[in-house]
Structures are given as C-alpha cells and as structure tokens.
Amino acid sequence: MSNSSLQPVTTSDLRTTGEVGWISPSNIALIKYWGKKSVQKPMNASISFTLAEATTKTSLSFKPRKNGERWIDFYFEEQKQARFEERIVQYFSSLSEEMPFLGDYSYVIKSSNTFPHSAGIASSASAMSALALCLCDIENVISEEIRQEGDFLKRASFIARLGSGSAARSLFPSMSVWGKSEHVAYSSDEYAIAYSNIHESFLSFHDDVLIVSDEKKSVSSSAGHQLMNGNPFAPVRYAQAKKNMGLLLSSLQSGDLDLFGKIVEEEALTLHALMMCSDPGYILMKPNTLSILEKIRSFRQNTSLPVFFTLDAGPNVHVLYPDSERDKIETFIKSELLSLSQSNQIIKDHVGSGPEKFI
C-alpha cells in the first residue's frame, strides 16, 4: 500500500506492546468555522492561534488484545471516566477503516489538562489532537512503513479531525489553517496545515481568557453546527468568511494590528449572531460578556492600544494583545475586566510552539 500521509500503513504481526505519550495544545480560531459538510469537513476555512499553556497530556499503552479482554480503559486525571471512555470507543470504532489495527489491541489511556474543562478553551481540540498523535505514533511503531515528520503531522491532523474538527488545527506551531481556501496553497478540508507567513509581532501574542461562566453550555457546539443547515444567513456567512480570510491573512503578513483586530472581532460577533438567528435561536453570551467587550472597545478607543477580543462558542472572552504592550494591557485587565469574570478567574496564555512528545 502506498505510504501517503492519509492512507493506512501496513501493520506488522501482533507481538508489539508499548506506550506512547504526547502533550498537545488547544487553539483559538480567529476566522471561525461554523457549519459542517459530511464527515467533519468545514463549510469554510478557518485559521487559529496555537496556544502554549492550555494543553492536554495523554499517554496510551497498548498490547495485543486477548479474547474477552476490555478494549479501552480511560482515566482522566487518574479517575475512570465512563462517559468519555464511551466517546473514545465510538471514535476508535469509526477509525476501523483508517486504522485497521485498532481492534487487535487493548489500550489504557491516561489524560490530564492544564486548564479546567469548562474554561472557555476548546478541551476537545487539545484532547483529541493528543489522542490522535498517540494513535499515529502507535501506527508508526507497529507498521512496516514509517511516516516522515511532515506526513506524520498531516496524518495526525486528519485523524484528529475525525474526532473533533477544531482538533485538526492543534498540531502546528504558532498558527494553522484548516479548510480549503483560495488564499492558502495546499490547504485542505481533510486536515490542517501550518501557516507561517506571519509578521513577528503576532508570534508573541497573548490570549488571556476571562472566565465569565463555567456552567455547561445550553447548546453544544455539535448541535450548533447542525443548526447552521437551516440557518437563512448561512450562505452570506460563508461568503463573509471567505472574504475575511483574505483580509486577515493580509494583516498577519503586514503586521496591520488594526485590520487584524477589526476582522477578529467581527468574526467573534458573527459567530454569536448566527447562534441567535438559528432555529431555534439561542444565546451563549452573558451580561458580563457584553460588559467586557464594551470595556475593551472603549479602552482601545481612548488609548489607541492594540487590545482585541474574540469569543469561542460560549460566554468567556479571549483578550488578544501583542507582547510589546503587555504591561499596560495587563494593568487594564486587572483593574477593569477581572471583576467581571466569575470569581476573578483568568487563564493567561500565549501563542505556542505546538505538540510535544514525552514518551
């Protein structure tokens, strides 16, 4: 079988045992993807910052599976997690054609996060990308054909996408693009690719996440994506995303912070407008979310400092700013914004260098 980045490799005999482990980060989308085609493919391309501190650490031990033996045991922060274990069983089952060896082995998976599960950071992105890296690492260990680094990461992004769309973007340093875009050569709906044509000012950007609410969302992201199928504004949104991708890439290349902020904030507000215009419509922002957004815009207008916001599919606010203005903006966050978060909760992060293998 051809050893392409996406095709399964030929596995060896079933005598191999071992353990692999990866630390993988979450990411924050700047151009949002909201709406799916079949098989976890995006209706529009997205681009994201790879985070540094918000990570999932996952180890996966494997051995040939005996008759009657449990297939998967999953532990999150040293505790058995039946609900997520069930999701992993479904995920592994869905990969039977992509990774035929999976059913021949039994697995013990141990995972932990550096951030709270409900912190407004995409835990599925870091969790599923770490797991996908482990699976592709095992594929290398037991195969007769070894993928080179570039093909390995492409393969891992492809496998991660099948578990969580946003996880496809967590495999690369600094920034990545997922989804076919006329603005990015070699971009694909199948997997994300690294994006490196970036002005140096963005490589040290901060992302401070204000936790407005850590309650479970009333509508999941999966359900929100499905509701885009009947959203009357969906076609206009996909055209907007295409235009905004070109504008954002221009700002990233030139270092135009004003254009960057304009597009990123427009994308965040459009995401939540689409939720409100769904059928049924729903609102994930909280009153304090809006108060924080207003304060950021007012502060920027009064000081001309480059501080911007984005939102994920939830109420918590990501405050984005360059390292060059760190002291002034951190003072503003502490004095004006922190009290609007739940119990003064904030997670301080920044653009990172991508996954790391530890076993």
Protein backbone atom coordinates (compact mmCIF):
# COMPACT_ATOMS: atom_id res chain seq x y z
CA MET A 1 0.00 0.00 0.00
CA SER A 2 1.27 3.48 -0.84
CA ASN A 3 2.62 5.34 2.20
CA SER A 4 0.80 8.64 1.66
CA SER A 5 0.08 10.95 4.57
CA LEU A 6 -3.55 9.83 4.70
CA GLN A 7 -3.60 6.18 3.69
CA PRO A 8 -3.31 3.46 6.35
CA VAL A 9 0.07 1.82 6.60
CA THR A 10 0.68 -1.92 6.60
CA THR A 11 0.86 -3.24 10.14
CA SER A 12 3.22 -5.93 11.37
CA ASP A 13 2.39 -9.04 13.40
CA LEU A 14 0.63 -8.75 16.74
CA ARG A 15 3.56 -9.14 19.13
CA THR A 16 4.23 -5.47 19.76
CA THR A 17 3.49 -3.86 23.12
CA GLY A 18 4.42 -0.39 24.24
CA GLU A 19 3.45 3.05 25.41
CA VAL A 20 3.39 6.43 23.70
CA GLY A 21 2.64 9.87 25.05
CA TRP A 22 2.00 13.37 23.70
CA ILE A 23 1.23 16.82 25.05
CA SER A 24 -0.95 18.80 22.65
CA PRO A 25 -2.32 22.34 22.94
CA SER A 26 -5.70 23.85 22.37
CA ASN A 27 -6.13 26.65 19.84
CA ILE A 28 -8.31 29.71 19.38
CA ALA A 29 -9.86 30.32 15.97
CA LEU A 30 -9.59 33.82 14.52
CA ILE A 31 -11.60 33.07 11.39
CA LYS A 32 -14.34 30.83 12.75
CA TYR A 33 -15.70 27.66 11.22
CA TRP A 34 -19.37 27.18 11.98
CA GLY A 35 -21.21 24.64 9.87
CA LYS A 36 -20.08 21.24 8.61
CA LYS A 37 -20.21 19.20 5.47
CA SER A 38 -20.23 15.42 5.80
CA VAL A 39 -17.56 13.58 7.81
CA GLN A 40 -16.34 16.50 9.90
CA LYS A 41 -15.42 18.75 6.98
CA PRO A 42 -15.84 22.52 7.36
CA MET A 43 -18.16 24.69 5.30
CA ASN A 44 -15.47 27.40 5.33
CA ALA A 45 -11.76 27.60 6.04
CA SER A 46 -10.56 28.71 9.47
CA ILE A 47 -7.28 29.94 10.92
CA SER A 48 -6.19 29.82 14.54
CA PHE A 49 -3.51 30.70 17.05
CA THR A 50 -1.93 27.63 18.63
CA LEU A 51 -1.87 28.14 22.40
CA ALA A 52 1.05 27.36 24.70
CA GLU A 53 -0.22 26.75 28.23
CA ALA A 54 -3.67 25.20 27.68
CA THR A 55 -2.66 21.63 26.92
CA THR A 56 -3.74 18.02 27.30
CA LYS A 57 -1.20 15.37 28.30
CA THR A 58 -2.12 11.88 27.12
CA SER A 59 -0.36 8.55 27.41
CA LEU A 60 -1.55 5.41 25.67
CA SER A 61 -0.24 1.94 26.47
CA PHE A 62 -1.14 -0.91 24.14
CA LYS A 63 -0.80 -4.68 23.89
CA PRO A 64 -2.29 -7.43 21.72
CA ARG A 65 -5.90 -7.98 22.74
CA LYS A 66 -6.99 -11.34 24.11
CA ASN A 67 -10.47 -12.81 23.77
CA GLY A 68 -12.84 -11.24 26.29
CA GLU A 69 -10.38 -8.57 27.32
CA ARG A 70 -11.56 -4.97 27.69
CA TRP A 71 -10.76 -2.89 24.64
CA ILE A 72 -10.27 0.54 26.22
CA ASP A 73 -9.75 1.81 29.76
CA PHE A 74 -9.76 5.59 30.05
CA TYR A 75 -8.61 7.68 33.01
CA PHE A 76 -8.90 11.45 33.23
CA GLU A 77 -6.73 12.93 35.96
CA GLU A 78 -6.40 9.47 37.49
CA GLN A 79 -10.14 8.85 37.67
CA LYS A 80 -12.13 6.47 35.49
CA GLN A 81 -14.37 8.45 33.15
CA ALA A 82 -17.06 6.20 31.71
CA ARG A 83 -18.74 8.92 29.66
CA PHE A 84 -15.62 9.97 27.80
CA GLU A 85 -14.49 6.36 27.57
CA GLU A 86 -17.70 5.67 25.64
CA ARG A 87 -16.87 8.52 23.28
CA ILE A 88 -13.39 7.11 22.71
CA VAL A 89 -14.84 3.66 21.98
CA GLN A 90 -17.09 5.25 19.35
CA TYR A 91 -14.14 7.21 17.96
CA PHE A 92 -11.91 4.13 17.70
CA SER A 93 -14.76 2.19 16.08
CA SER A 94 -15.20 4.97 13.50
CA LEU A 95 -11.49 4.65 12.61
CA SER A 96 -11.69 0.94 11.74
CA GLU A 97 -11.06 1.55 8.04
CA GLU A 98 -8.43 4.25 8.57
CA MET A 99 -6.54 2.29 11.25
CA PRO A 100 -7.41 -1.41 10.83
CA PHE A 101 -5.03 -2.44 13.63
CA LEU A 102 -7.05 -0.70 16.36
CA GLY A 103 -9.33 -3.68 17.06
CA ASP A 104 -6.36 -6.03 17.50
CA TYR A 105 -5.00 -4.27 20.59
CA SER A 106 -6.26 -3.25 24.03
CA TYR A 107 -5.49 0.20 25.41
CA VAL A 108 -5.08 2.07 28.65
CA ILE A 109 -5.40 5.82 28.13
CA LYS A 110 -4.43 8.35 30.80
CA SER A 111 -5.14 12.02 30.21
CA SER A 112 -4.98 15.32 32.09
CA ASN A 113 -5.47 19.01 31.30
CA THR A 114 -3.60 22.09 32.44
CA PHE A 115 -6.88 24.04 32.41
CA PRO A 116 -10.44 23.47 33.69
CA HIS A 117 -12.69 21.53 31.33
CA SER A 118 -15.28 24.34 31.28
CA ALA A 119 -12.82 27.21 30.95
CA GLY A 120 -13.87 28.50 27.55
CA ILE A 121 -10.87 26.85 25.94
CA ALA A 122 -11.51 24.07 23.45
CA SER A 123 -10.69 21.00 25.55
CA SER A 124 -11.80 18.71 22.71
CA ALA A 125 -9.15 20.29 20.48
CA SER A 126 -6.27 19.53 22.83
CA ALA A 127 -7.68 16.17 23.97
CA MET A 128 -8.44 14.74 20.55
CA SER A 129 -5.25 16.05 18.97
CA ALA A 130 -3.16 14.48 21.76
CA LEU A 131 -5.02 11.19 21.31
CA ALA A 132 -4.63 11.33 17.51
CA LEU A 133 -0.88 11.88 17.90
CA CYS A 134 -0.69 8.83 20.15
CA LEU A 135 -2.62 6.71 17.64
CA CYS A 136 -0.40 7.79 14.76
CA ASP A 137 2.65 7.14 16.91
CA ILE A 138 1.42 3.59 17.56
CA GLU A 139 0.76 3.20 13.84
CA ASN A 140 4.41 4.05 13.26
CA VAL A 141 5.59 1.68 16.00
CA ILE A 142 3.74 -1.37 14.69
CA SER A 143 3.97 -0.62 10.98
CA GLU A 144 6.35 -1.72 8.30
CA GLU A 145 6.42 1.81 6.89
CA ILE A 146 7.37 4.90 8.92
CA ARG A 147 5.99 8.32 8.06
CA GLN A 148 8.32 11.31 7.95
CA GLU A 149 7.55 14.25 10.26
CA GLY A 150 5.56 16.29 7.73
CA ASP A 151 3.43 13.35 6.68
CA PHE A 152 3.09 12.25 10.31
CA LEU A 153 1.61 15.59 11.38
CA LYS A 154 -0.67 15.69 8.34
CA ARG A 155 -1.87 12.19 9.17
CA ALA A 156 -2.38 13.13 12.84
CA SER A 157 -4.35 16.24 11.85
CA PHE A 158 -6.54 14.10 9.60
CA ILE A 159 -7.18 11.58 12.39
CA ALA A 160 -7.78 14.34 14.95
CA ARG A 161 -10.33 15.99 12.65
CA LEU A 162 -12.45 12.86 12.66
CA GLY A 163 -12.79 13.20 16.43
CA SER A 164 -13.10 16.98 16.71
CA GLY A 165 -12.94 19.47 13.86
CA SER A 166 -11.04 22.10 15.83
CA ALA A 167 -8.50 19.46 16.94
CA ALA A 168 -7.16 19.37 13.38
CA ARG A 169 -5.65 22.84 13.99
CA SER A 170 -3.71 21.97 17.18
CA LEU A 171 -0.84 20.10 15.52
CA PHE A 172 1.33 23.00 14.36
CA PRO A 173 3.37 25.84 15.86
CA SER A 174 2.04 29.40 16.06
CA MET A 175 -0.82 29.25 13.53
CA SER A 176 -2.63 26.78 11.32
CA VAL A 177 -5.26 26.79 8.57
CA TRP A 178 -7.94 24.16 8.20
CA GLY A 179 -10.27 24.07 5.22
CA LYS A 180 -9.74 24.59 1.52
CA SER A 181 -9.00 28.27 0.83
CA GLU A 182 -8.03 30.04 -2.37
CA HIS A 183 -5.77 32.22 -0.22
CA VAL A 184 -3.60 29.40 1.16
CA ALA A 185 -1.69 26.98 -1.03
CA TYR A 186 -2.06 23.29 -0.13
CA SER A 187 -4.95 23.99 2.27
CA SER A 188 -7.44 21.16 2.61
CA ASP A 189 -10.75 20.17 4.16
CA GLU A 190 -9.15 16.86 5.14
CA TYR A 191 -6.51 18.21 7.52
CA ALA A 192 -4.94 21.43 8.75
CA ILE A 193 -1.58 22.81 7.66
CA ALA A 194 0.93 25.08 9.35
CA TYR A 195 0.73 28.76 8.46
CA SER A 196 4.00 30.65 8.84
CA ASN A 197 3.72 33.80 6.70
CA ILE A 198 3.28 35.88 9.84
CA HIS A 199 4.67 39.23 10.97
CA GLU A 200 6.86 38.82 14.03
CA SER A 201 4.52 40.89 16.22
CA PHE A 202 1.94 38.06 16.11
CA LEU A 203 4.36 35.34 17.18
CA SER A 204 4.34 36.60 20.78
CA PHE A 205 0.64 37.48 21.00
CA HIS A 206 -1.11 36.94 24.32
CA ASP A 207 -4.50 35.32 24.85
CA ASP A 208 -5.90 35.96 28.33
CA VAL A 209 -9.19 34.12 28.85
CA LEU A 210 -11.69 35.70 31.23
CA ILE A 211 -14.00 33.02 32.65
CA VAL A 212 -17.41 34.70 32.69
CA SER A 213 -19.19 31.42 33.39
CA ASP A 214 -18.04 27.85 33.84
CA GLU A 215 -21.54 26.39 33.57
CA LYS A 216 -22.26 23.77 30.92
CA LYS A 217 -23.45 25.37 27.68
CA SER A 218 -27.16 25.17 26.94
CA VAL A 219 -26.41 24.15 23.34
CA SER A 220 -23.33 22.11 22.44
CA SER A 221 -21.03 23.08 19.59
CA SER A 222 -22.00 19.90 17.73
CA ALA A 223 -25.67 20.90 17.90
CA GLY A 224 -24.78 24.45 16.90
CA HIS A 225 -23.01 23.24 13.78
CA GLN A 226 -26.07 21.20 12.81
CA LEU A 227 -28.35 24.20 13.22
CA MET A 228 -26.39 26.00 10.51
CA ASN A 229 -28.00 23.67 7.97
CA GLY A 230 -31.27 25.58 8.24
CA ASN A 231 -29.90 29.00 9.08
CA PRO A 232 -31.11 31.55 6.49
CA PHE A 233 -27.91 33.57 6.91
CA ALA A 234 -25.56 30.62 6.30
CA PRO A 235 -24.76 31.43 2.62
CA VAL A 236 -23.94 35.04 3.50
CA ARG A 237 -21.77 33.82 6.37
CA TYR A 238 -19.70 31.53 4.18
CA ALA A 239 -19.09 34.37 1.72
CA GLN A 240 -18.09 36.63 4.61
CA ALA A 241 -15.68 34.03 5.96
CA LYS A 242 -14.00 33.72 2.58
CA LYS A 243 -13.56 37.49 2.34
CA ASN A 244 -12.38 37.80 5.94
CA MET A 245 -9.81 35.06 5.46
CA GLY A 246 -8.12 37.09 2.74
CA LEU A 247 -8.19 40.27 4.83
CA LEU A 248 -6.88 38.57 7.95
CA LEU A 249 -4.03 36.90 6.09
CA SER A 250 -3.08 40.30 4.69
CA SER A 251 -2.96 41.76 8.21
CA LEU A 252 -0.89 38.84 9.50
CA GLN A 253 1.65 39.29 6.76
CA SER A 254 1.95 43.07 7.04
CA GLY A 255 1.60 43.42 10.81
CA ASP A 256 -1.51 45.60 10.48
CA LEU A 257 -2.90 45.30 14.01
CA ASP A 258 -5.94 47.50 13.37
CA LEU A 259 -7.12 45.36 10.46
CA PHE A 260 -6.36 42.20 12.44
CA GLY A 261 -8.50 43.38 15.34
CA LYS A 262 -11.36 44.51 13.13
CA ILE A 263 -11.64 41.14 11.40
CA VAL A 264 -11.15 39.04 14.53
CA GLU A 265 -13.84 40.90 16.46
CA GLU A 266 -16.24 40.80 13.51
CA GLU A 267 -15.75 37.03 13.31
CA ALA A 268 -16.48 36.58 17.01
CA LEU A 269 -19.66 38.64 16.89
CA THR A 270 -20.83 36.95 13.69
CA LEU A 271 -20.43 33.55 15.34
CA HIS A 272 -22.78 34.53 18.15
CA ALA A 273 -25.18 36.30 15.78
CA LEU A 274 -25.51 33.04 13.86
CA MET A 275 -26.46 31.27 17.08
CA MET A 276 -29.15 33.86 17.80
CA CYS A 277 -30.51 33.50 14.26
CA SER A 278 -30.69 29.71 14.33
CA ASP A 279 -33.99 27.86 14.58
CA PRO A 280 -34.34 27.56 17.48
CA GLY A 281 -32.20 30.55 18.35
CA TYR A 282 -30.08 30.59 21.46
CA ILE A 283 -27.75 32.94 23.34
CA LEU A 284 -24.49 31.80 24.96
CA MET A 285 -23.15 35.21 25.90
CA LYS A 286 -23.85 36.50 29.42
CA PRO A 287 -24.40 40.13 30.54
CA ASN A 288 -20.81 40.30 31.76
CA THR A 289 -19.59 39.07 28.37
CA LEU A 290 -21.07 42.17 26.76
CA SER A 291 -19.72 44.41 29.52
CA ILE A 292 -16.20 43.11 28.89
CA LEU A 293 -16.49 43.64 25.13
CA GLU A 294 -17.71 47.19 25.64
CA LYS A 295 -14.87 47.97 28.06
CA ILE A 296 -12.26 46.60 25.66
CA ARG A 297 -13.57 48.73 22.79
CA SER A 298 -13.80 51.83 24.98
CA PHE A 299 -10.28 51.34 26.34
CA ARG A 300 -8.88 50.85 22.85
CA GLN A 301 -10.62 53.98 21.57
CA ASN A 302 -9.33 56.07 24.48
CA THR A 303 -5.75 54.79 24.46
CA SER A 304 -5.16 53.57 20.87
CA LEU A 305 -3.59 50.46 22.39
CA PRO A 306 -3.96 47.26 20.30
CA VAL A 307 -6.14 45.10 22.53
CA PHE A 308 -8.88 42.99 20.94
CA PHE A 309 -11.35 40.28 21.81
CA THR A 310 -12.55 37.03 20.36
CA LEU A 311 -15.09 34.51 21.57
CA ASP A 312 -15.41 30.78 21.25
CA ALA A 313 -18.82 29.12 21.23
CA GLY A 314 -19.51 30.21 24.81
CA PRO A 315 -19.63 33.21 27.15
CA ASN A 316 -15.95 33.54 28.01
CA VAL A 317 -13.78 36.25 26.48
CA HIS A 318 -10.34 35.82 24.92
CA VAL A 319 -8.37 39.08 25.24
CA LEU A 320 -5.74 39.31 22.50
CA TYR A 321 -2.79 41.70 22.52
CA PRO A 322 0.88 41.91 21.47
CA ASP A 323 3.67 41.36 23.96
CA SER A 324 5.02 44.86 23.27
CA GLU A 325 2.04 46.36 25.15
CA ARG A 326 1.83 43.70 27.82
CA ASP A 327 2.30 45.84 30.95
CA LYS A 328 -0.32 48.46 30.07
CA ILE A 329 -2.91 45.96 28.91
CA GLU A 330 -2.42 43.61 31.86
CA THR A 331 -2.99 46.59 34.17
CA PHE A 332 -6.24 47.36 32.30
CA ILE A 333 -7.39 43.74 32.52
CA LYS A 334 -6.70 43.59 36.23
CA SER A 335 -8.35 46.90 37.07
CA GLU A 336 -11.33 46.90 34.68
CA LEU A 337 -12.12 43.37 33.48
CA LEU A 338 -11.18 40.83 36.10
CA SER A 339 -14.06 41.72 38.42
CA LEU A 340 -16.49 40.85 35.60
CA SER A 341 -15.24 37.27 35.46
CA GLN A 342 -16.61 34.53 37.68
CA SER A 343 -14.65 34.56 40.96
CA ASN A 344 -11.91 36.62 39.26
CA GLN A 345 -10.97 33.65 37.09
CA ILE A 346 -8.50 34.26 34.27
CA ILE A 347 -6.29 31.91 32.27
CA LYS A 348 -3.20 33.57 30.85
CA ASP A 349 -1.89 32.07 27.63
CA HIS A 350 0.06 33.00 24.51
CA VAL A 351 0.98 31.74 21.06
CA GLY A 352 2.82 28.43 21.37
CA SER A 353 5.06 26.03 19.52
CA GLY A 354 2.76 23.04 19.06
CA PRO A 355 2.69 19.48 20.41
CA GLU A 356 5.48 17.71 22.27
CA LYS A 357 6.21 14.00 22.54
CA PHE A 358 7.08 12.85 26.07
CA ILE A 359 7.07 9.05 25.69
